[in-house]
Amino acid sequence: MGDPSLATTPFQLSDANQFFELSKDPDIRNEYPNMRFENIEEAKAYLEAQIDLTENSGLSFFKAIRIVYDGLEPVYTEENNILVGFISLHKIGALDQIFAGGFQQTLGYAIKSAYRGKGLMTIALNMTLDAMRRDGYNVMAAAVKKQNISSIRVLEKCGFIMVRDYQISLLYVKRITMDKDEFDKLFIL
């Protein structure tokens, strides 16, 4: 195998086995209760629904974070990559919008415990933000539990600023393509 590189890619149904293994990580199960699958079929059905939502909504995505072993380019096959996490952008419900400062979509992400503390999530999130810039996103929000210090550090390293402090969570935002003066008026106190 070649030197490893990090890639964020769309999920494929062929990722079901690795996705099921990812969902078994205790930290991911704790943070994402909707990913507590009992078997591979449940994981595959969830993955299929997320792929469909990504392809048909135009407002959401669900990307795999992979370590790819294939030389200089992040080209992967089932044999040369390790699925280590995910990044998602999803529409949220009305109640969640209250805790997201009125934002209708928020970022979510997770990485396997064994790969934490190595800077991989920061790299993957920055890669995703670069893609969002190219796609014309204005501003992005992420809500994080107050006790999730690692996730807070990732957001801050990626240029997010905390704009709301709720009882159990914090709301962070990042200017992507929005005019800086407009962003400052909306979010900088």
N, C-alpha and C. Protein backbone atom coordinates (compact mmCIF):
# COMPACT_ATOMS: atom_id res chain seq x y z
N MET A 1 0.84 -1.18 0.00
CA MET A 1 0.00 0.00 0.00
C MET A 1 0.88 1.25 0.00
N GLY A 2 0.37 2.31 -0.60
CA GLY A 2 1.09 3.57 -0.66
C GLY A 2 0.97 4.34 0.64
N ASP A 3 1.46 5.57 0.60
CA ASP A 3 1.36 6.44 1.76
C ASP A 3 -0.10 6.80 2.02
N PRO A 4 -0.47 6.96 3.28
CA PRO A 4 -1.86 7.29 3.58
C PRO A 4 -2.18 8.75 3.29
N SER A 5 -3.41 9.00 2.89
CA SER A 5 -3.93 10.36 2.75
C SER A 5 -5.34 10.35 3.31
N LEU A 6 -5.85 11.53 3.59
CA LEU A 6 -7.19 11.65 4.13
C LEU A 6 -8.13 12.09 3.02
N ALA A 7 -9.31 11.50 2.97
CA ALA A 7 -10.30 11.86 1.95
C ALA A 7 -11.68 11.93 2.59
N THR A 8 -12.49 12.85 2.09
CA THR A 8 -13.91 12.87 2.43
C THR A 8 -14.63 12.54 1.14
N THR A 9 -15.44 11.51 1.18
CA THR A 9 -16.10 11.01 -0.02
C THR A 9 -17.57 10.74 0.26
N PRO A 10 -18.40 10.74 -0.77
CA PRO A 10 -19.78 10.30 -0.56
C PRO A 10 -19.79 8.84 -0.10
N PHE A 11 -20.72 8.51 0.75
CA PHE A 11 -20.89 7.11 1.13
C PHE A 11 -21.46 6.33 -0.04
N GLN A 12 -21.13 5.06 -0.11
CA GLN A 12 -21.68 4.12 -1.08
C GLN A 12 -22.28 2.96 -0.30
N LEU A 13 -23.21 2.24 -0.90
CA LEU A 13 -23.79 1.08 -0.21
C LEU A 13 -22.73 0.03 0.10
N SER A 14 -21.67 0.00 -0.70
CA SER A 14 -20.59 -0.96 -0.44
C SER A 14 -19.85 -0.63 0.86
N ASP A 15 -20.12 0.52 1.46
CA ASP A 15 -19.51 0.89 2.74
C ASP A 15 -20.25 0.31 3.94
N ALA A 16 -21.31 -0.44 3.71
CA ALA A 16 -22.19 -0.88 4.81
C ALA A 16 -21.43 -1.62 5.91
N ASN A 17 -20.53 -2.52 5.57
CA ASN A 17 -19.79 -3.26 6.61
C ASN A 17 -18.92 -2.34 7.45
N GLN A 18 -18.16 -1.47 6.79
CA GLN A 18 -17.30 -0.54 7.53
C GLN A 18 -18.15 0.45 8.33
N PHE A 19 -19.28 0.87 7.77
CA PHE A 19 -20.17 1.80 8.47
C PHE A 19 -20.75 1.15 9.72
N PHE A 20 -21.13 -0.12 9.62
CA PHE A 20 -21.64 -0.84 10.78
C PHE A 20 -20.56 -0.91 11.86
N GLU A 21 -19.33 -1.18 11.47
CA GLU A 21 -18.22 -1.23 12.44
C GLU A 21 -18.00 0.15 13.07
N LEU A 22 -18.08 1.20 12.26
CA LEU A 22 -17.95 2.57 12.76
C LEU A 22 -19.02 2.85 13.81
N SER A 23 -20.23 2.40 13.56
CA SER A 23 -21.35 2.67 14.47
C SER A 23 -21.20 1.96 15.81
N LYS A 24 -20.31 0.98 15.90
CA LYS A 24 -20.08 0.26 17.16
C LYS A 24 -19.15 1.01 18.11
N ASP A 25 -18.47 2.05 17.60
CA ASP A 25 -17.57 2.82 18.45
C ASP A 25 -18.37 3.43 19.61
N PRO A 26 -17.95 3.20 20.86
CA PRO A 26 -18.74 3.66 22.01
C PRO A 26 -18.99 5.18 22.01
N ASP A 27 -18.00 5.97 21.62
CA ASP A 27 -18.17 7.42 21.62
C ASP A 27 -19.19 7.85 20.56
N ILE A 28 -19.16 7.21 19.40
CA ILE A 28 -20.12 7.54 18.35
C ILE A 28 -21.52 7.12 18.77
N ARG A 29 -21.64 5.94 19.37
CA ARG A 29 -22.95 5.48 19.84
C ARG A 29 -23.52 6.42 20.90
N ASN A 30 -22.66 6.96 21.74
CA ASN A 30 -23.09 7.88 22.78
C ASN A 30 -23.55 9.20 22.18
N GLU A 31 -22.80 9.72 21.22
CA GLU A 31 -23.10 11.03 20.63
C GLU A 31 -24.25 10.97 19.63
N TYR A 32 -24.39 9.84 18.94
CA TYR A 32 -25.42 9.68 17.89
C TYR A 32 -26.29 8.47 18.20
N PRO A 33 -27.29 8.62 19.08
CA PRO A 33 -28.16 7.50 19.44
C PRO A 33 -28.89 6.88 18.25
N ASN A 34 -29.10 7.66 17.19
CA ASN A 34 -29.78 7.13 16.00
C ASN A 34 -28.89 6.17 15.21
N MET A 35 -27.65 6.02 15.64
CA MET A 35 -26.73 5.10 14.96
C MET A 35 -26.40 3.88 15.83
N ARG A 36 -27.31 3.49 16.69
CA ARG A 36 -27.12 2.30 17.52
C ARG A 36 -27.79 1.11 16.84
N PHE A 37 -27.11 0.59 15.83
CA PHE A 37 -27.67 -0.48 15.02
C PHE A 37 -27.46 -1.83 15.68
N GLU A 38 -28.47 -2.67 15.57
CA GLU A 38 -28.39 -4.02 16.12
C GLU A 38 -27.70 -4.99 15.16
N ASN A 39 -27.77 -4.68 13.85
CA ASN A 39 -27.20 -5.60 12.87
C ASN A 39 -26.83 -4.83 11.59
N ILE A 40 -26.18 -5.52 10.69
CA ILE A 40 -25.72 -4.91 9.44
C ILE A 40 -26.89 -4.42 8.59
N GLU A 41 -28.02 -5.10 8.65
CA GLU A 41 -29.17 -4.70 7.86
C GLU A 41 -29.69 -3.32 8.28
N GLU A 42 -29.73 -3.08 9.60
CA GLU A 42 -30.15 -1.76 10.09
C GLU A 42 -29.17 -0.68 9.65
N ALA A 43 -27.88 -0.98 9.75
CA ALA A 43 -26.86 -0.01 9.33
C ALA A 43 -26.97 0.27 7.84
N LYS A 44 -27.19 -0.76 7.05
CA LYS A 44 -27.30 -0.59 5.60
C LYS A 44 -28.55 0.23 5.25
N ALA A 45 -29.66 -0.01 5.94
CA ALA A 45 -30.89 0.74 5.68
C ALA A 45 -30.68 2.23 6.03
N TYR A 46 -30.01 2.51 7.13
CA TYR A 46 -29.72 3.89 7.51
C TYR A 46 -28.83 4.54 6.47
N LEU A 47 -27.79 3.83 6.07
CA LEU A 47 -26.86 4.35 5.07
C LEU A 47 -27.57 4.62 3.75
N GLU A 48 -28.44 3.71 3.35
CA GLU A 48 -29.19 3.87 2.11
C GLU A 48 -30.08 5.12 2.17
N ALA A 49 -30.72 5.33 3.32
CA ALA A 49 -31.58 6.52 3.49
C ALA A 49 -30.74 7.80 3.43
N GLN A 50 -29.55 7.78 4.04
CA GLN A 50 -28.69 8.96 4.01
C GLN A 50 -28.17 9.25 2.60
N ILE A 51 -27.83 8.22 1.88
CA ILE A 51 -27.39 8.38 0.49
C ILE A 51 -28.52 8.98 -0.34
N ASP A 52 -29.72 8.46 -0.17
CA ASP A 52 -30.87 8.97 -0.91
C ASP A 52 -31.14 10.43 -0.55
N LEU A 53 -31.07 10.78 0.72
CA LEU A 53 -31.28 12.15 1.16
C LEU A 53 -30.23 13.08 0.55
N THR A 54 -28.98 12.65 0.55
CA THR A 54 -27.89 13.43 -0.03
C THR A 54 -28.13 13.67 -1.52
N GLU A 55 -28.51 12.61 -2.22
CA GLU A 55 -28.66 12.70 -3.68
C GLU A 55 -29.91 13.48 -4.10
N ASN A 56 -30.95 13.47 -3.26
CA ASN A 56 -32.23 14.04 -3.69
C ASN A 56 -32.66 15.33 -3.00
N SER A 57 -32.06 15.67 -1.87
CA SER A 57 -32.53 16.86 -1.16
C SER A 57 -31.86 18.14 -1.64
N GLY A 58 -30.60 18.04 -2.03
CA GLY A 58 -29.85 19.23 -2.40
C GLY A 58 -29.48 20.08 -1.20
N LEU A 59 -29.95 19.72 -0.02
CA LEU A 59 -29.69 20.49 1.19
C LEU A 59 -28.88 19.73 2.22
N SER A 60 -28.60 18.49 1.98
CA SER A 60 -27.94 17.65 2.96
C SER A 60 -26.78 16.91 2.32
N PHE A 61 -25.86 16.50 3.17
CA PHE A 61 -24.84 15.55 2.71
C PHE A 61 -24.42 14.68 3.87
N PHE A 62 -23.87 13.55 3.53
CA PHE A 62 -23.37 12.58 4.50
C PHE A 62 -22.12 12.00 3.88
N LYS A 63 -20.95 12.45 4.35
CA LYS A 63 -19.68 12.07 3.75
C LYS A 63 -18.87 11.19 4.67
N ALA A 64 -18.19 10.24 4.07
CA ALA A 64 -17.27 9.37 4.80
C ALA A 64 -15.93 10.07 4.94
N ILE A 65 -15.30 9.88 6.10
CA ILE A 65 -13.92 10.30 6.29
C ILE A 65 -13.10 9.03 6.23
N ARG A 66 -12.15 8.99 5.30
CA ARG A 66 -11.38 7.78 5.06
C ARG A 66 -9.88 8.07 5.13
N ILE A 67 -9.16 7.11 5.63
CA ILE A 67 -7.72 7.08 5.44
C ILE A 67 -7.52 6.16 4.25
N VAL A 68 -6.90 6.72 3.20
CA VAL A 68 -6.75 6.00 1.95
C VAL A 68 -5.27 5.71 1.72
N TYR A 69 -4.97 4.48 1.34
CA TYR A 69 -3.60 4.06 1.05
C TYR A 69 -3.48 3.81 -0.44
N ASP A 70 -3.09 4.86 -1.18
CA ASP A 70 -2.96 4.68 -2.62
C ASP A 70 -2.11 5.79 -3.24
N GLY A 71 -0.93 5.98 -2.71
CA GLY A 71 -0.04 6.97 -3.29
C GLY A 71 -0.48 8.39 -2.99
N LEU A 72 -0.30 9.28 -3.95
CA LEU A 72 -0.53 10.70 -3.74
C LEU A 72 -1.99 11.11 -3.85
N GLU A 73 -2.76 10.42 -4.66
CA GLU A 73 -4.15 10.79 -4.88
C GLU A 73 -5.07 10.00 -3.95
N PRO A 74 -6.08 10.66 -3.37
CA PRO A 74 -7.01 9.92 -2.52
C PRO A 74 -8.05 9.15 -3.34
N VAL A 75 -7.57 8.12 -4.03
CA VAL A 75 -8.45 7.24 -4.79
C VAL A 75 -8.62 5.99 -3.93
N TYR A 76 -9.84 5.56 -3.73
CA TYR A 76 -10.02 4.43 -2.83
C TYR A 76 -10.80 3.30 -3.48
N THR A 77 -10.53 2.14 -2.98
CA THR A 77 -11.29 0.95 -3.31
C THR A 77 -11.68 0.31 -1.99
N GLU A 78 -12.47 -0.72 -2.02
CA GLU A 78 -12.86 -1.39 -0.78
C GLU A 78 -11.65 -1.95 -0.04
N GLU A 79 -10.58 -2.23 -0.75
CA GLU A 79 -9.42 -2.87 -0.14
C GLU A 79 -8.38 -1.89 0.40
N ASN A 80 -8.39 -0.63 -0.02
CA ASN A 80 -7.28 0.24 0.35
C ASN A 80 -7.69 1.43 1.24
N ASN A 81 -8.79 1.33 1.94
CA ASN A 81 -9.18 2.45 2.80
C ASN A 81 -9.72 1.95 4.12
N ILE A 82 -9.66 2.86 5.09
CA ILE A 82 -10.24 2.62 6.41
C ILE A 82 -11.24 3.73 6.67
N LEU A 83 -12.47 3.39 6.90
CA LEU A 83 -13.51 4.36 7.24
C LEU A 83 -13.32 4.73 8.71
N VAL A 84 -12.99 6.00 8.97
CA VAL A 84 -12.70 6.42 10.33
C VAL A 84 -13.73 7.38 10.91
N GLY A 85 -14.63 7.90 10.07
CA GLY A 85 -15.61 8.84 10.60
C GLY A 85 -16.54 9.35 9.53
N PHE A 86 -17.30 10.39 9.87
CA PHE A 86 -18.23 10.98 8.91
C PHE A 86 -18.41 12.46 9.22
N ILE A 87 -18.87 13.19 8.21
CA ILE A 87 -19.29 14.58 8.34
C ILE A 87 -20.65 14.67 7.67
N SER A 88 -21.58 15.36 8.34
CA SER A 88 -22.92 15.47 7.75
C SER A 88 -23.43 16.90 7.85
N LEU A 89 -24.32 17.22 6.96
CA LEU A 89 -25.09 18.45 6.99
C LEU A 89 -26.53 18.04 6.78
N HIS A 90 -27.36 18.31 7.77
CA HIS A 90 -28.75 17.89 7.69
C HIS A 90 -29.68 19.00 8.13
N LYS A 91 -30.86 18.99 7.52
CA LYS A 91 -31.94 19.85 7.96
C LYS A 91 -32.37 19.37 9.34
N ILE A 92 -32.66 20.32 10.21
CA ILE A 92 -33.04 19.95 11.57
C ILE A 92 -34.49 20.37 11.83
N GLY A 93 -35.08 19.76 12.83
CA GLY A 93 -36.46 20.04 13.18
C GLY A 93 -36.64 21.39 13.85
N ALA A 94 -37.89 21.79 14.01
CA ALA A 94 -38.22 23.11 14.56
C ALA A 94 -37.66 23.28 15.97
N LEU A 95 -37.76 22.27 16.82
CA LEU A 95 -37.24 22.39 18.18
C LEU A 95 -35.73 22.56 18.16
N ASP A 96 -35.04 21.77 17.34
CA ASP A 96 -33.59 21.89 17.24
C ASP A 96 -33.18 23.24 16.68
N GLN A 97 -34.01 23.83 15.83
CA GLN A 97 -33.70 25.15 15.26
C GLN A 97 -33.62 26.22 16.35
N ILE A 98 -34.38 26.04 17.41
CA ILE A 98 -34.32 27.00 18.52
C ILE A 98 -32.91 27.01 19.10
N PHE A 99 -32.33 25.80 19.29
CA PHE A 99 -30.99 25.69 19.85
C PHE A 99 -29.91 25.91 18.81
N ALA A 100 -30.30 26.10 17.57
CA ALA A 100 -29.34 26.38 16.50
C ALA A 100 -29.52 27.81 16.00
N GLY A 101 -30.07 28.68 16.84
CA GLY A 101 -30.18 30.08 16.50
C GLY A 101 -31.00 30.36 15.27
N GLY A 102 -31.94 29.47 14.96
CA GLY A 102 -32.79 29.65 13.79
C GLY A 102 -32.24 29.02 12.52
N PHE A 103 -31.01 28.52 12.58
CA PHE A 103 -30.46 27.84 11.41
C PHE A 103 -31.29 26.61 11.11
N GLN A 104 -31.49 26.33 9.84
CA GLN A 104 -32.28 25.16 9.44
C GLN A 104 -31.41 23.93 9.19
N GLN A 105 -30.12 24.14 9.08
CA GLN A 105 -29.18 23.03 8.87
C GLN A 105 -28.00 23.21 9.81
N THR A 106 -27.45 22.11 10.28
CA THR A 106 -26.24 22.17 11.09
C THR A 106 -25.30 21.05 10.67
N LEU A 107 -24.03 21.30 10.93
CA LEU A 107 -23.01 20.28 10.68
C LEU A 107 -22.97 19.31 11.84
N GLY A 108 -22.67 18.07 11.53
CA GLY A 108 -22.41 17.06 12.54
C GLY A 108 -21.22 16.26 12.08
N TYR A 109 -20.47 15.71 13.00
CA TYR A 109 -19.31 14.91 12.61
C TYR A 109 -18.89 14.01 13.76
N ALA A 110 -18.19 12.96 13.41
CA ALA A 110 -17.67 12.04 14.40
C ALA A 110 -16.49 11.29 13.80
N ILE A 111 -15.61 10.87 14.67
CA ILE A 111 -14.46 10.07 14.25
C ILE A 111 -14.25 8.98 15.31
N LYS A 112 -13.81 7.82 14.87
CA LYS A 112 -13.59 6.71 15.79
C LYS A 112 -12.62 7.12 16.89
N SER A 113 -12.85 6.59 18.07
CA SER A 113 -12.03 6.90 19.23
C SER A 113 -10.54 6.69 18.97
N ALA A 114 -10.20 5.64 18.27
CA ALA A 114 -8.78 5.32 18.01
C ALA A 114 -8.09 6.36 17.14
N TYR A 115 -8.85 7.19 16.44
CA TYR A 115 -8.27 8.18 15.53
C TYR A 115 -8.41 9.61 16.05
N ARG A 116 -8.88 9.76 17.28
CA ARG A 116 -9.03 11.09 17.87
C ARG A 116 -7.69 11.60 18.38
N GLY A 117 -7.58 12.92 18.46
CA GLY A 117 -6.37 13.53 18.99
C GLY A 117 -5.21 13.55 18.01
N LYS A 118 -5.48 13.28 16.75
CA LYS A 118 -4.43 13.24 15.73
C LYS A 118 -4.59 14.35 14.69
N GLY A 119 -5.60 15.20 14.85
CA GLY A 119 -5.84 16.30 13.93
C GLY A 119 -6.63 15.91 12.68
N LEU A 120 -7.06 14.67 12.59
CA LEU A 120 -7.77 14.20 11.39
C LEU A 120 -9.12 14.89 11.21
N MET A 121 -9.85 15.08 12.30
CA MET A 121 -11.17 15.70 12.18
C MET A 121 -11.03 17.15 11.73
N THR A 122 -10.03 17.85 12.23
CA THR A 122 -9.80 19.23 11.81
C THR A 122 -9.49 19.29 10.31
N ILE A 123 -8.66 18.39 9.84
CA ILE A 123 -8.33 18.34 8.40
C ILE A 123 -9.58 18.05 7.59
N ALA A 124 -10.34 17.04 8.01
CA ALA A 124 -11.55 16.65 7.27
C ALA A 124 -12.59 17.77 7.25
N LEU A 125 -12.76 18.46 8.38
CA LEU A 125 -13.73 19.55 8.43
C LEU A 125 -13.27 20.71 7.54
N ASN A 126 -11.98 21.02 7.55
CA ASN A 126 -11.48 22.08 6.67
C ASN A 126 -11.66 21.70 5.20
N MET A 127 -11.45 20.44 4.85
CA MET A 127 -11.69 19.99 3.48
C MET A 127 -13.16 20.19 3.11
N THR A 128 -14.04 19.88 4.01
CA THR A 128 -15.48 20.03 3.78
C THR A 128 -15.85 21.50 3.64
N LEU A 129 -15.29 22.34 4.48
CA LEU A 129 -15.58 23.78 4.41
C LEU A 129 -15.07 24.37 3.10
N ASP A 130 -13.92 23.91 2.61
CA ASP A 130 -13.43 24.36 1.30
C ASP A 130 -14.41 23.99 0.20
N ALA A 131 -14.94 22.77 0.26
CA ALA A 131 -15.93 22.34 -0.74
C ALA A 131 -17.21 23.18 -0.62
N MET A 132 -17.60 23.51 0.59
CA MET A 132 -18.80 24.33 0.80
C MET A 132 -18.59 25.74 0.25
N ARG A 133 -17.38 26.25 0.39
CA ARG A 133 -17.05 27.57 -0.18
C ARG A 133 -17.22 27.53 -1.69
N ARG A 134 -16.70 26.49 -2.32
CA ARG A 134 -16.83 26.35 -3.78
C ARG A 134 -18.30 26.20 -4.20
N ASP A 135 -19.11 25.61 -3.32
CA ASP A 135 -20.53 25.41 -3.61
C ASP A 135 -21.38 26.64 -3.26
N GLY A 136 -20.76 27.68 -2.71
CA GLY A 136 -21.47 28.94 -2.47
C GLY A 136 -22.22 29.05 -1.16
N TYR A 137 -21.93 28.22 -0.19
CA TYR A 137 -22.57 28.37 1.12
C TYR A 137 -22.16 29.70 1.74
N ASN A 138 -23.10 30.37 2.42
CA ASN A 138 -22.82 31.67 3.04
C ASN A 138 -22.19 31.56 4.42
N VAL A 139 -22.88 30.82 5.28
CA VAL A 139 -22.46 30.68 6.66
C VAL A 139 -22.89 29.29 7.12
N MET A 140 -22.14 28.72 8.05
CA MET A 140 -22.47 27.39 8.52
C MET A 140 -22.54 27.39 10.04
N ALA A 141 -23.45 26.57 10.58
CA ALA A 141 -23.64 26.47 12.02
C ALA A 141 -23.35 25.05 12.48
N ALA A 142 -22.91 24.96 13.73
CA ALA A 142 -22.71 23.66 14.37
C ALA A 142 -23.06 23.82 15.85
N ALA A 143 -23.89 22.93 16.34
CA ALA A 143 -24.23 22.92 17.76
C ALA A 143 -23.44 21.80 18.41
N VAL A 144 -22.90 22.08 19.58
CA VAL A 144 -22.06 21.10 20.26
C VAL A 144 -22.40 21.11 21.75
N LYS A 145 -22.38 19.92 22.36
CA LYS A 145 -22.62 19.82 23.79
C LYS A 145 -21.45 20.46 24.53
N LYS A 146 -21.76 21.14 25.62
CA LYS A 146 -20.74 21.88 26.36
C LYS A 146 -19.60 21.00 26.85
N GLN A 147 -19.88 19.76 27.18
CA GLN A 147 -18.85 18.88 27.70
C GLN A 147 -17.97 18.27 26.61
N ASN A 148 -18.30 18.51 25.35
CA ASN A 148 -17.53 17.93 24.24
C ASN A 148 -16.37 18.86 23.87
N ILE A 149 -15.39 18.90 24.73
CA ILE A 149 -14.25 19.83 24.59
C ILE A 149 -13.48 19.57 23.30
N SER A 150 -13.31 18.32 22.92
CA SER A 150 -12.58 18.00 21.68
C SER A 150 -13.28 18.58 20.46
N SER A 151 -14.59 18.45 20.41
CA SER A 151 -15.35 18.98 19.27
C SER A 151 -15.30 20.51 19.26
N ILE A 152 -15.35 21.12 20.42
CA ILE A 152 -15.24 22.58 20.50
C ILE A 152 -13.89 23.03 19.94
N ARG A 153 -12.82 22.31 20.31
CA ARG A 153 -11.48 22.67 19.80
C ARG A 153 -11.41 22.54 18.28
N VAL A 154 -12.03 21.48 17.73
CA VAL A 154 -12.04 21.31 16.27
C VAL A 154 -12.73 22.49 15.61
N LEU A 155 -13.89 22.87 16.12
CA LEU A 155 -14.62 24.00 15.54
C LEU A 155 -13.79 25.28 15.60
N GLU A 156 -13.18 25.53 16.73
CA GLU A 156 -12.38 26.75 16.88
C GLU A 156 -11.16 26.73 15.96
N LYS A 157 -10.50 25.59 15.82
CA LYS A 157 -9.36 25.48 14.90
C LYS A 157 -9.78 25.74 13.46
N CYS A 158 -11.02 25.42 13.14
CA CYS A 158 -11.53 25.61 11.78
C CYS A 158 -12.15 26.99 11.58
N GLY A 159 -12.02 27.88 12.57
CA GLY A 159 -12.47 29.25 12.41
C GLY A 159 -13.90 29.53 12.81
N PHE A 160 -14.56 28.60 13.46
CA PHE A 160 -15.91 28.84 13.96
C PHE A 160 -15.82 29.72 15.21
N ILE A 161 -16.84 30.53 15.42
CA ILE A 161 -16.92 31.33 16.64
C ILE A 161 -18.20 30.97 17.39
N MET A 162 -18.10 31.00 18.71
CA MET A 162 -19.27 30.69 19.53
C MET A 162 -20.16 31.92 19.59
N VAL A 163 -21.44 31.75 19.26
CA VAL A 163 -22.36 32.89 19.25
C VAL A 163 -23.51 32.75 20.24
N ARG A 164 -23.78 31.54 20.73
CA ARG A 164 -24.85 31.35 21.70
C ARG A 164 -24.44 30.27 22.71
N ASP A 165 -24.77 30.55 23.96
CA ASP A 165 -24.48 29.62 25.04
C ASP A 165 -25.82 29.22 25.65
N TYR A 166 -26.22 27.98 25.37
CA TYR A 166 -27.46 27.45 25.93
C TYR A 166 -27.11 26.61 27.15
N GLN A 167 -28.10 26.15 27.86
CA GLN A 167 -27.85 25.41 29.09
C GLN A 167 -27.02 24.15 28.85
N ILE A 168 -27.30 23.41 27.77
CA ILE A 168 -26.57 22.16 27.54
C ILE A 168 -25.69 22.18 26.29
N SER A 169 -25.85 23.21 25.45
CA SER A 169 -25.08 23.22 24.22
C SER A 169 -24.60 24.63 23.87
N LEU A 170 -23.67 24.66 22.93
CA LEU A 170 -23.13 25.91 22.41
C LEU A 170 -23.39 25.94 20.92
N LEU A 171 -23.66 27.14 20.38
CA LEU A 171 -23.85 27.30 18.95
C LEU A 171 -22.63 28.02 18.39
N TYR A 172 -22.02 27.41 17.40
CA TYR A 172 -20.88 27.98 16.70
C TYR A 172 -21.27 28.27 15.26
N VAL A 173 -20.72 29.34 14.69
CA VAL A 173 -20.94 29.66 13.29
C VAL A 173 -19.61 29.99 12.62
N LYS A 174 -19.60 29.82 11.31
CA LYS A 174 -18.42 30.15 10.50
C LYS A 174 -18.88 30.87 9.25
N ARG A 175 -18.24 32.00 8.97
CA ARG A 175 -18.48 32.73 7.72
C ARG A 175 -17.78 31.96 6.61
N ILE A 176 -18.52 31.68 5.54
CA ILE A 176 -17.93 30.98 4.40
C ILE A 176 -17.81 31.95 3.24
N THR A 177 -18.94 32.36 2.64
CA THR A 177 -18.86 33.34 1.55
C THR A 177 -19.59 34.63 1.88
N MET A 178 -20.28 34.68 2.99
CA MET A 178 -21.03 35.88 3.37
C MET A 178 -20.08 37.07 3.51
N ASP A 179 -20.55 38.23 3.13
CA ASP A 179 -19.80 39.46 3.30
C ASP A 179 -19.42 39.61 4.78
N LYS A 180 -18.15 39.96 5.04
CA LYS A 180 -17.65 40.04 6.41
C LYS A 180 -18.43 41.06 7.24
N ASP A 181 -18.73 42.22 6.68
CA ASP A 181 -19.48 43.24 7.43
C ASP A 181 -20.87 42.72 7.81
N GLU A 182 -21.53 42.06 6.87
CA GLU A 182 -22.85 41.49 7.14
C GLU A 182 -22.76 40.42 8.23
N PHE A 183 -21.75 39.56 8.12
CA PHE A 183 -21.55 38.50 9.11
C PHE A 183 -21.33 39.13 10.50
N ASP A 184 -20.46 40.14 10.55
CA ASP A 184 -20.16 40.79 11.84
C ASP A 184 -21.42 41.41 12.45
N LYS A 185 -22.27 42.02 11.62
CA LYS A 185 -23.52 42.61 12.13
C LYS A 185 -24.43 41.56 12.72
N LEU A 186 -24.47 40.39 12.08
CA LEU A 186 -25.36 39.32 12.52
C LEU A 186 -24.83 38.55 13.72
N PHE A 187 -23.51 38.35 13.79
CA PHE A 187 -22.99 37.38 14.75
C PHE A 187 -21.96 37.92 15.75
N ILE A 188 -21.31 39.02 15.46
CA ILE A 188 -20.30 39.54 16.39
C ILE A 188 -20.96 40.57 17.27
N LEU A 189 -20.90 40.34 18.56
CA LEU A 189 -21.57 41.25 19.51
C LEU A 189 -20.70 42.45 19.80
